[in-house]
Amino acid sequence: MLKKYHPYLRDIGLSEVQIKLYDYIIENKSGAVIELKEELNLSYSQVNYNLSVLEDMGLIFSTKSEKNKKFYRIDPKIALTKVLEDRVKNFKKQIDKIEEKVNIEESVQGVCLKNVPFYHYSDLNLAMNNFFELIENSMEEIVLSSLPPILLKKIESVLYNAYMRGVQIKLYFSNADFDSINNYFNLITDILSRVKITIIQTKERTCQRARYNDILVNVGVILIDGKYLNAINFIDDDILHFDGFYGPTFVEQSKRFMEIKTVEKQIKIEFPEPIQTILDVIKAKQPIMTRELSTQSRVGGGKLREILNFLINEGIIKESEIKGATGKPRKEYTLASKLKI
């Protein structure tokens, strides 16, 4: 029945014996062990083992009874799609391993000052993958100097996730860092509107100047957990080169380089959008039910639940459960006592 599809079944990992058994069960809708043994001229061990493989793959299912146990087909479209999806996930894992190996081989190993392992990337995509992974694994603090707005847009989502994990984020910038971006503060506050962040404007440059391929460029940094220094070479919004290294001593030195500068302005965005919106709605009408909160804040679904969980865990709001008119429990929210928003 499935003969013309046998190559596909082989591609997803079925052996010839498994294809025979699957063929029979698809055509006859079911099959008992003794029946399959006799019809396909196989041994008991062959039938039992390969049926168990097909069942583990989710292609067939069996009755619980061990006596005269029968196996039944599952809708091939559903079953084979699931098998294919599982194999795709496995392929992606293998691709990730290959990519990791490529990253290592593409990365030029060298020495930066006192034998600190140094790496750089000629491929910007490889570098972005590295930065994403470092930020995703950050646990304590991320410090950034002036960086191109286009880069901040790319890493905004992982910065947001880091903030939601409790990571402290600071960004130092100076108008002297850019030749043609006059509204840098407005740009970054718009890009990072979802992120709790301290923004510090300094009089002196926060980026160093360096010569790259015979042109003068800015060198900004991303410092992660006091361990990783990742440098970005750029001119305004054009990213040219990434490199970095693991070295706590040099990360600390780079932090001090920014901390000793003359501060012109410091702004701490305590509750970014949409968190501030949700807090404003709760403050205006508390207690407030989930549905009304969603309607007024225009934040719903999983995003609202994520923010509410964060605010509850931080002790900023309280969640209470009350019985509704139909007896079904409903949740309402209030600001935590003595909290001023």
C-alpha atoms as a PDB file:
ATOM      1  CA  MET A   1       0.000   0.000   0.000  1.00  0.00           C
ATOM      2  CA  LEU A   2       2.796   2.442   0.897  1.00  0.00           C
ATOM      3  CA  LYS A   3       5.391   1.102  -1.505  1.00  0.00           C
ATOM      4  CA  LYS A   4       5.948   4.381  -3.343  1.00  0.00           C
ATOM      5  CA  TYR A   5       6.420   6.102   0.023  1.00  0.00           C
ATOM      6  CA  HIS A   6       9.038   3.653   1.266  1.00  0.00           C
ATOM      7  CA  PRO A   7      11.952   5.996   0.403  1.00  0.00           C
ATOM      8  CA  TYR A   8      10.397   8.664   2.638  1.00  0.00           C
ATOM      9  CA  LEU A   9       9.907   6.156   5.457  1.00  0.00           C
ATOM     10  CA  ARG A  10      13.557   5.177   5.125  1.00  0.00           C
ATOM     11  CA  ASP A  11      14.511   8.854   5.262  1.00  0.00           C
ATOM     12  CA  ILE A  12      12.794   9.283   8.614  1.00  0.00           C
ATOM     13  CA  GLY A  13      14.703   6.308   9.997  1.00  0.00           C
ATOM     14  CA  LEU A  14      12.532   3.211   9.509  1.00  0.00           C
ATOM     15  CA  SER A  15      14.257  -0.104   8.767  1.00  0.00           C
ATOM     16  CA  GLU A  16      12.979  -2.522   6.121  1.00  0.00           C
ATOM     17  CA  VAL A  17      11.331  -4.719   8.784  1.00  0.00           C
ATOM     18  CA  GLN A  18       9.666  -1.691  10.379  1.00  0.00           C
ATOM     19  CA  ILE A  19       8.373  -0.567   6.976  1.00  0.00           C
ATOM     20  CA  LYS A  20       6.846  -4.037   6.401  1.00  0.00           C
ATOM     21  CA  LEU A  21       5.104  -3.970   9.774  1.00  0.00           C
ATOM     22  CA  TYR A  22       3.924  -0.382   9.343  1.00  0.00           C
ATOM     23  CA  ASP A  23       2.662  -1.167   5.826  1.00  0.00           C
ATOM     24  CA  TYR A  24       0.612  -4.078   7.126  1.00  0.00           C
ATOM     25  CA  ILE A  25      -0.934  -2.158  10.028  1.00  0.00           C
ATOM     26  CA  ILE A  26      -1.778   0.831   7.820  1.00  0.00           C
ATOM     27  CA  GLU A  27      -3.495  -1.393   5.252  1.00  0.00           C
ATOM     28  CA  ASN A  28      -5.328  -3.622   7.773  1.00  0.00           C
ATOM     29  CA  LYS A  29      -5.864  -0.942  10.431  1.00  0.00           C
ATOM     30  CA  SER A  30      -4.481  -3.284  13.113  1.00  0.00           C
ATOM     31  CA  GLY A  31      -2.437  -6.420  13.650  1.00  0.00           C
ATOM     32  CA  ALA A  32      -1.639  -8.915  16.413  1.00  0.00           C
ATOM     33  CA  VAL A  33       1.902 -10.178  17.028  1.00  0.00           C
ATOM     34  CA  ILE A  34       1.202 -13.773  15.938  1.00  0.00           C
ATOM     35  CA  GLU A  35      -0.694 -12.529  12.888  1.00  0.00           C
ATOM     36  CA  LEU A  36       2.171 -10.250  11.826  1.00  0.00           C
ATOM     37  CA  LYS A  37       4.703 -13.026  12.434  1.00  0.00           C
ATOM     38  CA  GLU A  38       2.885 -15.441  10.148  1.00  0.00           C
ATOM     39  CA  GLU A  39       1.829 -12.953   7.453  1.00  0.00           C
ATOM     40  CA  LEU A  40       5.247 -11.372   7.095  1.00  0.00           C
ATOM     41  CA  ASN A  41       7.351 -14.467   7.820  1.00  0.00           C
ATOM     42  CA  LEU A  42       9.191 -12.843  10.711  1.00  0.00           C
ATOM     43  CA  SER A  43      10.346 -14.156  14.083  1.00  0.00           C
ATOM     44  CA  TYR A  44       8.653 -13.233  17.367  1.00  0.00           C
ATOM     45  CA  SER A  45      11.677 -11.230  18.438  1.00  0.00           C
ATOM     46  CA  GLN A  46      11.724  -9.268  15.166  1.00  0.00           C
ATOM     47  CA  VAL A  47       8.028  -8.452  15.435  1.00  0.00           C
ATOM     48  CA  ASN A  48       8.093  -7.525  19.125  1.00  0.00           C
ATOM     49  CA  TYR A  49      11.189  -5.357  18.928  1.00  0.00           C
ATOM     50  CA  ASN A  50      10.242  -3.450  15.778  1.00  0.00           C
ATOM     51  CA  LEU A  51       6.647  -2.904  16.881  1.00  0.00           C
ATOM     52  CA  SER A  52       7.963  -1.359  20.082  1.00  0.00           C
ATOM     53  CA  VAL A  53      10.164   0.967  17.991  1.00  0.00           C
ATOM     54  CA  LEU A  54       7.184   2.030  15.871  1.00  0.00           C
ATOM     55  CA  GLU A  55       5.129   2.599  19.022  1.00  0.00           C
ATOM     56  CA  ASP A  56       7.904   4.657  20.642  1.00  0.00           C
ATOM     57  CA  MET A  57       7.999   6.789  17.488  1.00  0.00           C
ATOM     58  CA  GLY A  58       4.270   7.427  17.846  1.00  0.00           C
ATOM     59  CA  LEU A  59       3.313   5.748  14.548  1.00  0.00           C
ATOM     60  CA  ILE A  60       1.110   3.053  16.129  1.00  0.00           C
ATOM     61  CA  PHE A  61      -0.467   2.264  19.497  1.00  0.00           C
ATOM     62  CA  SER A  62      -1.304  -0.986  21.264  1.00  0.00           C
ATOM     63  CA  THR A  63      -3.845  -2.432  23.679  1.00  0.00           C
ATOM     64  CA  LYS A  64      -2.734  -2.746  27.290  1.00  0.00           C
ATOM     65  CA  SER A  65      -3.492  -6.443  27.441  1.00  0.00           C
ATOM     66  CA  GLU A  66      -0.387  -8.588  27.078  1.00  0.00           C
ATOM     67  CA  LYS A  67      -2.491 -11.557  25.992  1.00  0.00           C
ATOM     68  CA  ASN A  68      -3.225 -11.447  22.281  1.00  0.00           C
ATOM     69  CA  LYS A  69      -1.851  -7.893  22.189  1.00  0.00           C
ATOM     70  CA  LYS A  70      -2.911  -5.891  19.131  1.00  0.00           C
ATOM     71  CA  PHE A  71      -1.381  -2.859  17.483  1.00  0.00           C
ATOM     72  CA  TYR A  72      -3.426  -0.161  15.735  1.00  0.00           C
ATOM     73  CA  ARG A  73      -2.575   2.523  13.246  1.00  0.00           C
ATOM     74  CA  ILE A  74      -2.585   6.229  14.052  1.00  0.00           C
ATOM     75  CA  ASP A  75      -3.626   8.742  11.407  1.00  0.00           C
ATOM     76  CA  PRO A  76      -0.476   8.783   9.234  1.00  0.00           C
ATOM     77  CA  LYS A  77      -0.685  12.537   8.613  1.00  0.00           C
ATOM     78  CA  ILE A  78      -0.634  13.261  12.344  1.00  0.00           C
ATOM     79  CA  ALA A  79       1.870  10.546  13.270  1.00  0.00           C
ATOM     80  CA  LEU A  80       4.374  11.135  10.472  1.00  0.00           C
ATOM     81  CA  THR A  81       4.196  14.917  10.884  1.00  0.00           C
ATOM     82  CA  LYS A  82       5.086  14.501  14.566  1.00  0.00           C
ATOM     83  CA  VAL A  83       8.004  12.209  13.667  1.00  0.00           C
ATOM     84  CA  LEU A  84       9.201  14.747  11.101  1.00  0.00           C
ATOM     85  CA  GLU A  85       8.966  17.595  13.626  1.00  0.00           C
ATOM     86  CA  ASP A  86      10.985  15.570  16.150  1.00  0.00           C
ATOM     87  CA  ARG A  87      13.623  14.877  13.542  1.00  0.00           C
ATOM     88  CA  VAL A  88      13.752  18.564  12.567  1.00  0.00           C
ATOM     89  CA  LYS A  89      14.330  19.450  16.247  1.00  0.00           C
ATOM     90  CA  ASN A  90      17.132  16.903  16.359  1.00  0.00           C
ATOM     91  CA  PHE A  91      18.611  18.286  13.130  1.00  0.00           C
ATOM     92  CA  LYS A  92      18.498  21.800  14.630  1.00  0.00           C
ATOM     93  CA  LYS A  93      20.397  20.560  17.669  1.00  0.00           C
ATOM     94  CA  GLN A  94      23.023  19.058  15.381  1.00  0.00           C
ATOM     95  CA  ILE A  95      23.158  22.289  13.352  1.00  0.00           C
ATOM     96  CA  ASP A  96      23.702  24.246  16.582  1.00  0.00           C
ATOM     97  CA  LYS A  97      26.611  21.942  17.423  1.00  0.00           C
ATOM     98  CA  ILE A  98      28.064  22.421  13.946  1.00  0.00           C
ATOM     99  CA  GLU A  99      27.578  26.198  14.253  1.00  0.00           C
ATOM    100  CA  GLU A 100      29.334  26.167  17.622  1.00  0.00           C
ATOM    101  CA  LYS A 101      32.249  24.307  16.073  1.00  0.00           C
ATOM    102  CA  VAL A 102      32.324  26.779  13.166  1.00  0.00           C
ATOM    103  CA  ASN A 103      32.257  29.689  15.630  1.00  0.00           C
ATOM    104  CA  ILE A 104      35.280  28.250  17.379  1.00  0.00           C
ATOM    105  CA  GLU A 105      37.135  27.610  14.127  1.00  0.00           C
ATOM    106  CA  GLU A 106      36.151  30.981  12.622  1.00  0.00           C
ATOM    107  CA  SER A 107      37.230  32.762  15.789  1.00  0.00           C
ATOM    108  CA  VAL A 108      40.877  33.765  15.550  1.00  0.00           C
ATOM    109  CA  GLN A 109      42.618  32.767  18.746  1.00  0.00           C
ATOM    110  CA  GLY A 110      45.279  35.198  19.913  1.00  0.00           C
ATOM    111  CA  VAL A 111      46.546  37.001  22.975  1.00  0.00           C
ATOM    112  CA  CYS A 112      45.313  40.280  24.439  1.00  0.00           C
ATOM    113  CA  LEU A 113      47.728  41.735  26.969  1.00  0.00           C
ATOM    114  CA  LYS A 114      48.567  39.399  29.880  1.00  0.00           C
ATOM    115  CA  ASN A 115      47.720  36.188  28.041  1.00  0.00           C
ATOM    116  CA  VAL A 116      43.962  36.844  28.169  1.00  0.00           C
ATOM    117  CA  PRO A 117      42.167  34.695  25.560  1.00  0.00           C
ATOM    118  CA  PHE A 118      41.094  36.986  22.725  1.00  0.00           C
ATOM    119  CA  TYR A 119      38.651  36.360  19.906  1.00  0.00           C
ATOM    120  CA  HIS A 120      37.304  38.273  16.950  1.00  0.00           C
ATOM    121  CA  TYR A 121      34.829  37.611  14.168  1.00  0.00           C
ATOM    122  CA  SER A 122      34.986  38.482  10.512  1.00  0.00           C
ATOM    123  CA  ASP A 123      31.315  37.472  10.185  1.00  0.00           C
ATOM    124  CA  LEU A 124      28.992  39.892  12.009  1.00  0.00           C
ATOM    125  CA  ASN A 125      26.266  37.225  12.277  1.00  0.00           C
ATOM    126  CA  LEU A 126      28.585  34.946  14.232  1.00  0.00           C
ATOM    127  CA  ALA A 127      29.392  37.811  16.563  1.00  0.00           C
ATOM    128  CA  MET A 128      25.706  38.615  17.111  1.00  0.00           C
ATOM    129  CA  ASN A 129      25.054  34.984  18.019  1.00  0.00           C
ATOM    130  CA  ASN A 130      27.874  35.169  20.550  1.00  0.00           C
ATOM    131  CA  PHE A 131      26.526  38.383  22.107  1.00  0.00           C
ATOM    132  CA  PHE A 132      23.000  36.975  22.285  1.00  0.00           C
ATOM    133  CA  GLU A 133      24.248  33.878  24.096  1.00  0.00           C
ATOM    134  CA  LEU A 134      26.331  35.906  26.558  1.00  0.00           C
ATOM    135  CA  ILE A 135      23.434  38.249  27.352  1.00  0.00           C
ATOM    136  CA  GLU A 136      20.970  35.369  27.645  1.00  0.00           C
ATOM    137  CA  ASN A 137      23.264  33.765  30.233  1.00  0.00           C
ATOM    138  CA  SER A 138      23.919  36.982  32.164  1.00  0.00           C
ATOM    139  CA  MET A 139      22.907  36.877  35.819  1.00  0.00           C
ATOM    140  CA  GLU A 140      23.995  40.109  37.526  1.00  0.00           C
ATOM    141  CA  GLU A 141      24.948  43.178  35.483  1.00  0.00           C
ATOM    142  CA  ILE A 142      25.279  44.446  31.929  1.00  0.00           C
ATOM    143  CA  VAL A 143      27.132  47.710  31.305  1.00  0.00           C
ATOM    144  CA  LEU A 144      27.110  49.314  27.863  1.00  0.00           C
ATOM    145  CA  SER A 145      28.921  52.306  26.458  1.00  0.00           C
ATOM    146  CA  SER A 146      27.594  54.330  23.514  1.00  0.00           C
ATOM    147  CA  LEU A 147      26.549  51.802  20.903  1.00  0.00           C
ATOM    148  CA  PRO A 148      25.002  52.190  17.452  1.00  0.00           C
ATOM    149  CA  PRO A 149      21.185  52.404  17.657  1.00  0.00           C
ATOM    150  CA  ILE A 150      20.929  49.629  15.071  1.00  0.00           C
ATOM    151  CA  LEU A 151      22.832  47.292  17.430  1.00  0.00           C
ATOM    152  CA  LEU A 152      20.641  48.247  20.400  1.00  0.00           C
ATOM    153  CA  LYS A 153      17.587  47.369  18.294  1.00  0.00           C
ATOM    154  CA  LYS A 154      19.045  43.933  17.592  1.00  0.00           C
ATOM    155  CA  ILE A 155      19.782  43.134  21.249  1.00  0.00           C
ATOM    156  CA  GLU A 156      16.721  44.847  22.786  1.00  0.00           C
ATOM    157  CA  SER A 157      14.763  41.609  23.152  1.00  0.00           C
ATOM    158  CA  VAL A 158      17.555  39.814  25.034  1.00  0.00           C
ATOM    159  CA  LEU A 159      18.158  42.895  27.194  1.00  0.00           C
ATOM    160  CA  TYR A 160      14.460  42.872  28.046  1.00  0.00           C
ATOM    161  CA  ASN A 161      14.621  39.191  29.025  1.00  0.00           C
ATOM    162  CA  ALA A 162      17.729  39.891  31.112  1.00  0.00           C
ATOM    163  CA  TYR A 163      15.933  42.741  32.901  1.00  0.00           C
ATOM    164  CA  MET A 164      12.972  40.454  33.615  1.00  0.00           C
ATOM    165  CA  ARG A 165      15.456  38.015  35.224  1.00  0.00           C
ATOM    166  CA  GLY A 166      16.635  40.794  37.547  1.00  0.00           C
ATOM    167  CA  VAL A 167      19.844  41.754  35.721  1.00  0.00           C
ATOM    168  CA  GLN A 168      20.931  45.370  36.349  1.00  0.00           C
ATOM    169  CA  ILE A 169      21.543  47.312  33.123  1.00  0.00           C
ATOM    170  CA  LYS A 170      23.467  50.584  32.678  1.00  0.00           C
ATOM    171  CA  LEU A 171      24.248  52.541  29.540  1.00  0.00           C
ATOM    172  CA  TYR A 172      26.859  55.324  29.405  1.00  0.00           C
ATOM    173  CA  PHE A 173      26.870  57.727  26.464  1.00  0.00           C
ATOM    174  CA  SER A 174      28.250  61.058  25.370  1.00  0.00           C
ATOM    175  CA  ASN A 175      27.183  63.270  22.498  1.00  0.00           C
ATOM    176  CA  ALA A 176      30.880  63.438  21.653  1.00  0.00           C
ATOM    177  CA  ASP A 177      30.776  59.737  20.704  1.00  0.00           C
ATOM    178  CA  PHE A 178      28.859  60.434  17.491  1.00  0.00           C
ATOM    179  CA  ASP A 179      29.521  62.791  14.625  1.00  0.00           C
ATOM    180  CA  SER A 180      26.053  62.829  13.070  1.00  0.00           C
ATOM    181  CA  ILE A 181      23.577  61.474  15.653  1.00  0.00           C
ATOM    182  CA  ASN A 182      22.313  64.519  17.516  1.00  0.00           C
ATOM    183  CA  ASN A 183      19.298  62.947  19.262  1.00  0.00           C
ATOM    184  CA  TYR A 184      20.989  59.837  20.651  1.00  0.00           C
ATOM    185  CA  PHE A 185      19.258  60.039  24.050  1.00  0.00           C
ATOM    186  CA  ASN A 186      15.789  60.123  22.454  1.00  0.00           C
ATOM    187  CA  LEU A 187      16.705  57.288  20.126  1.00  0.00           C
ATOM    188  CA  ILE A 188      17.926  54.928  22.836  1.00  0.00           C
ATOM    189  CA  THR A 189      15.086  55.677  25.254  1.00  0.00           C
ATOM    190  CA  ASP A 190      12.645  54.856  22.463  1.00  0.00           C
ATOM    191  CA  ILE A 191      14.477  51.649  21.501  1.00  0.00           C
ATOM    192  CA  LEU A 192      14.857  50.498  25.123  1.00  0.00           C
ATOM    193  CA  SER A 193      11.400  51.599  26.303  1.00  0.00           C
ATOM    194  CA  ARG A 194      10.658  48.112  27.693  1.00  0.00           C
ATOM    195  CA  VAL A 195      13.893  47.816  29.645  1.00  0.00           C
ATOM    196  CA  LYS A 196      14.568  48.936  33.215  1.00  0.00           C
ATOM    197  CA  ILE A 197      17.813  50.780  32.729  1.00  0.00           C
ATOM    198  CA  THR A 198      20.036  53.518  34.137  1.00  0.00           C
ATOM    199  CA  ILE A 199      21.170  55.933  31.408  1.00  0.00           C
ATOM    200  CA  ILE A 200      24.190  58.115  32.225  1.00  0.00           C
ATOM    201  CA  GLN A 201      25.243  60.967  29.954  1.00  0.00           C
ATOM    202  CA  THR A 202      28.851  62.058  30.393  1.00  0.00           C
ATOM    203  CA  LYS A 203      30.785  65.069  29.203  1.00  0.00           C
ATOM    204  CA  GLU A 204      33.788  63.053  28.027  1.00  0.00           C
ATOM    205  CA  ARG A 205      33.649  60.362  25.367  1.00  0.00           C
ATOM    206  CA  THR A 206      32.628  56.890  26.515  1.00  0.00           C
ATOM    207  CA  CYS A 207      33.928  55.276  23.333  1.00  0.00           C
ATOM    208  CA  GLN A 208      37.577  55.058  22.464  1.00  0.00           C
ATOM    209  CA  ARG A 209      38.865  55.969  19.033  1.00  0.00           C
ATOM    210  CA  ALA A 210      40.811  53.407  17.058  1.00  0.00           C
ATOM    211  CA  ARG A 211      42.081  52.909  13.529  1.00  0.00           C
ATOM    212  CA  TYR A 212      40.439  50.046  11.680  1.00  0.00           C
ATOM    213  CA  ASN A 213      41.280  49.245   8.042  1.00  0.00           C
ATOM    214  CA  ASP A 214      42.843  52.707   7.706  1.00  0.00           C
ATOM    215  CA  ILE A 215      39.733  54.527   8.934  1.00  0.00           C
ATOM    216  CA  LEU A 216      39.055  56.135  12.309  1.00  0.00           C
ATOM    217  CA  VAL A 217      36.271  54.318  14.180  1.00  0.00           C
ATOM    218  CA  ASN A 218      34.568  54.283  17.583  1.00  0.00           C
ATOM    219  CA  VAL A 219      35.062  51.325  19.909  1.00  0.00           C
ATOM    220  CA  GLY A 220      32.096  50.718  22.229  1.00  0.00           C
ATOM    221  CA  VAL A 221      31.773  47.908  24.758  1.00  0.00           C
ATOM    222  CA  ILE A 222      29.289  45.489  26.300  1.00  0.00           C
ATOM    223  CA  LEU A 223      30.477  44.322  29.745  1.00  0.00           C
ATOM    224  CA  ILE A 224      28.736  41.251  31.126  1.00  0.00           C
ATOM    225  CA  ASP A 225      28.734  40.078  34.747  1.00  0.00           C
ATOM    226  CA  GLY A 226      32.176  41.566  35.355  1.00  0.00           C
ATOM    227  CA  LYS A 227      33.699  38.803  33.212  1.00  0.00           C
ATOM    228  CA  TYR A 228      33.240  39.425  29.503  1.00  0.00           C
ATOM    229  CA  LEU A 229      34.334  42.483  27.558  1.00  0.00           C
ATOM    230  CA  ASN A 230      32.879  42.613  24.059  1.00  0.00           C
ATOM    231  CA  ALA A 231      34.077  45.405  21.801  1.00  0.00           C
ATOM    232  CA  ILE A 232      32.232  46.845  18.804  1.00  0.00           C
ATOM    233  CA  ASN A 233      33.940  48.960  16.151  1.00  0.00           C
ATOM    234  CA  PHE A 234      31.564  51.355  14.389  1.00  0.00           C
ATOM    235  CA  ILE A 235      31.053  54.676  12.673  1.00  0.00           C
ATOM    236  CA  ASP A 236      27.707  56.136  13.747  1.00  0.00           C
ATOM    237  CA  ASP A 237      25.214  53.373  12.877  1.00  0.00           C
ATOM    238  CA  ASP A 238      27.534  51.272  10.687  1.00  0.00           C
ATOM    239  CA  ILE A 239      28.946  48.249  12.537  1.00  0.00           C
ATOM    240  CA  LEU A 240      32.308  47.172  11.163  1.00  0.00           C
ATOM    241  CA  HIS A 241      33.849  44.629  13.515  1.00  0.00           C
ATOM    242  CA  PHE A 242      33.295  42.681  16.743  1.00  0.00           C
ATOM    243  CA  ASP A 243      35.797  41.206  19.138  1.00  0.00           C
ATOM    244  CA  GLY A 244      36.134  40.478  22.832  1.00  0.00           C
ATOM    245  CA  PHE A 245      37.660  38.417  25.598  1.00  0.00           C
ATOM    246  CA  TYR A 246      37.104  36.864  28.993  1.00  0.00           C
ATOM    247  CA  GLY A 247      39.039  38.843  31.595  1.00  0.00           C
ATOM    248  CA  PRO A 248      37.545  40.106  34.904  1.00  0.00           C
ATOM    249  CA  THR A 249      40.474  42.464  35.564  1.00  0.00           C
ATOM    250  CA  PHE A 250      40.107  44.244  32.240  1.00  0.00           C
ATOM    251  CA  VAL A 251      36.314  44.354  32.536  1.00  0.00           C
ATOM    252  CA  GLU A 252      36.702  46.102  35.895  1.00  0.00           C
ATOM    253  CA  GLN A 253      39.167  48.553  34.382  1.00  0.00           C
ATOM    254  CA  SER A 254      36.756  49.324  31.554  1.00  0.00           C
ATOM    255  CA  LYS A 255      33.940  49.952  34.056  1.00  0.00           C
ATOM    256  CA  ARG A 256      36.131  52.362  36.015  1.00  0.00           C
ATOM    257  CA  PHE A 257      36.999  54.106  32.749  1.00  0.00           C
ATOM    258  CA  MET A 258      33.316  55.058  32.444  1.00  0.00           C
ATOM    259  CA  GLU A 259      32.604  55.654  36.140  1.00  0.00           C
ATOM    260  CA  ILE A 260      35.259  58.367  36.526  1.00  0.00           C
ATOM    261  CA  LYS A 261      33.772  60.558  33.790  1.00  0.00           C
ATOM    262  CA  THR A 262      31.930  63.817  34.421  1.00  0.00           C
ATOM    263  CA  VAL A 263      28.196  63.071  34.643  1.00  0.00           C
ATOM    264  CA  GLU A 264      25.987  65.600  32.851  1.00  0.00           C
ATOM    265  CA  LYS A 265      22.705  63.758  33.290  1.00  0.00           C
ATOM    266  CA  GLN A 266      21.570  60.499  34.891  1.00  0.00           C
ATOM    267  CA  ILE A 267      18.127  59.019  34.373  1.00  0.00           C
ATOM    268  CA  LYS A 268      16.879  55.777  35.856  1.00  0.00           C
ATOM    269  CA  ILE A 269      13.938  54.288  34.006  1.00  0.00           C
ATOM    270  CA  GLU A 270      12.459  52.386  36.940  1.00  0.00           C
ATOM    271  CA  PHE A 271       9.294  51.050  35.345  1.00  0.00           C
ATOM    272  CA  PRO A 272       9.527  51.045  31.544  1.00  0.00           C
ATOM    273  CA  GLU A 273       6.674  50.608  29.122  1.00  0.00           C
ATOM    274  CA  PRO A 274       4.389  48.674  29.239  1.00  0.00           C
ATOM    275  CA  ILE A 275       5.071  48.022  32.947  1.00  0.00           C
ATOM    276  CA  GLN A 276       4.547  51.678  33.878  1.00  0.00           C
ATOM    277  CA  THR A 277       1.235  51.705  32.009  1.00  0.00           C
ATOM    278  CA  ILE A 278       0.015  48.666  33.961  1.00  0.00           C
ATOM    279  CA  LEU A 279       1.098  50.243  37.258  1.00  0.00           C
ATOM    280  CA  ASP A 280      -0.663  53.512  36.374  1.00  0.00           C
ATOM    281  CA  VAL A 281      -3.894  51.638  35.618  1.00  0.00           C
ATOM    282  CA  ILE A 282      -3.712  49.671  38.885  1.00  0.00           C
ATOM    283  CA  LYS A 283      -2.974  52.857  40.841  1.00  0.00           C
ATOM    284  CA  ALA A 284      -5.906  54.721  39.265  1.00  0.00           C
ATOM    285  CA  LYS A 285      -8.413  51.986  40.013  1.00  0.00           C
ATOM    286  CA  GLN A 286      -7.489  49.455  42.641  1.00  0.00           C
ATOM    287  CA  PRO A 287      -8.468  46.776  43.159  1.00  0.00           C
ATOM    288  CA  ILE A 288      -8.847  45.971  39.475  1.00  0.00           C
ATOM    289  CA  MET A 289      -9.767  42.701  37.737  1.00  0.00           C
ATOM    290  CA  THR A 290      -7.584  41.076  35.100  1.00  0.00           C
ATOM    291  CA  ARG A 291      -9.945  41.729  32.184  1.00  0.00           C
ATOM    292  CA  GLU A 292     -10.390  45.415  32.988  1.00  0.00           C
ATOM    293  CA  LEU A 293      -6.648  45.782  33.544  1.00  0.00           C
ATOM    294  CA  SER A 294      -5.993  44.237  30.132  1.00  0.00           C
ATOM    295  CA  THR A 295      -8.560  46.493  28.449  1.00  0.00           C
ATOM    296  CA  GLN A 296      -7.288  49.724  29.974  1.00  0.00           C
ATOM    297  CA  SER A 297      -3.561  48.969  29.602  1.00  0.00           C
ATOM    298  CA  ARG A 298      -3.992  47.389  26.143  1.00  0.00           C
ATOM    299  CA  VAL A 299      -1.685  44.589  27.229  1.00  0.00           C
ATOM    300  CA  GLY A 300      -3.092  41.077  27.217  1.00  0.00           C
ATOM    301  CA  GLY A 301      -2.462  37.370  27.021  1.00  0.00           C
ATOM    302  CA  GLY A 302       0.895  35.909  27.910  1.00  0.00           C
ATOM    303  CA  LYS A 303       2.618  39.315  27.949  1.00  0.00           C
ATOM    304  CA  LEU A 304       0.255  40.624  30.661  1.00  0.00           C
ATOM    305  CA  ARG A 305       0.743  37.450  32.704  1.00  0.00           C
ATOM    306  CA  GLU A 306       4.532  37.725  32.370  1.00  0.00           C
ATOM    307  CA  ILE A 307       4.528  41.331  33.622  1.00  0.00           C
ATOM    308  CA  LEU A 308       2.092  40.613  36.457  1.00  0.00           C
ATOM    309  CA  ASN A 309       4.223  37.674  37.638  1.00  0.00           C
ATOM    310  CA  PHE A 310       7.298  39.912  37.556  1.00  0.00           C
ATOM    311  CA  LEU A 311       5.597  42.671  39.581  1.00  0.00           C
ATOM    312  CA  ILE A 312       4.245  40.148  42.090  1.00  0.00           C
ATOM    313  CA  ASN A 313       7.653  38.507  42.532  1.00  0.00           C
ATOM    314  CA  GLU A 314       9.247  41.956  43.020  1.00  0.00           C
ATOM    315  CA  GLY A 315       6.692  42.770  45.731  1.00  0.00           C
ATOM    316  CA  ILE A 316       5.391  45.755  43.731  1.00  0.00           C
ATOM    317  CA  ILE A 317       1.772  44.562  43.430  1.00  0.00           C
ATOM    318  CA  LYS A 318      -0.438  42.065  45.199  1.00  0.00           C
ATOM    319  CA  GLU A 319      -2.706  39.490  43.586  1.00  0.00           C
ATOM    320  CA  SER A 320      -5.904  38.362  45.323  1.00  0.00           C
ATOM    321  CA  GLU A 321      -8.444  35.751  44.325  1.00  0.00           C
ATOM    322  CA  ILE A 322     -12.164  36.352  44.847  1.00  0.00           C
ATOM    323  CA  LYS A 323     -15.284  34.464  43.833  1.00  0.00           C
ATOM    324  CA  GLY A 324     -17.148  35.853  40.857  1.00  0.00           C
ATOM    325  CA  ALA A 325     -20.907  35.977  40.347  1.00  0.00           C
ATOM    326  CA  THR A 326     -20.907  32.473  38.915  1.00  0.00           C
ATOM    327  CA  GLY A 327     -18.668  31.140  41.663  1.00  0.00           C
ATOM    328  CA  LYS A 328     -15.681  31.042  39.352  1.00  0.00           C
ATOM    329  CA  PRO A 329     -12.587  32.559  41.025  1.00  0.00           C
ATOM    330  CA  ARG A 330     -11.374  35.880  39.617  1.00  0.00           C
ATOM    331  CA  LYS A 331      -8.135  37.694  40.265  1.00  0.00           C
ATOM    332  CA  GLU A 332      -7.714  41.315  41.264  1.00  0.00           C
ATOM    333  CA  TYR A 333      -4.630  43.453  41.721  1.00  0.00           C
ATOM    334  CA  THR A 334      -3.555  46.255  44.052  1.00  0.00           C
ATOM    335  CA  LEU A 335      -0.305  48.094  44.713  1.00  0.00           C
ATOM    336  CA  ALA A 336       1.738  46.747  47.587  1.00  0.00           C
ATOM    337  CA  SER A 337       1.321  48.751  50.788  1.00  0.00           C
ATOM    338  CA  LYS A 338       3.573  51.787  51.305  1.00  0.00           C
ATOM    339  CA  LEU A 339       4.656  51.667  47.661  1.00  0.00           C
ATOM    340  CA  LYS A 340       4.711  54.986  45.869  1.00  0.00           C
ATOM    341  CA  ILE A 341       4.600  54.861  42.102  1.00  0.00           C
END
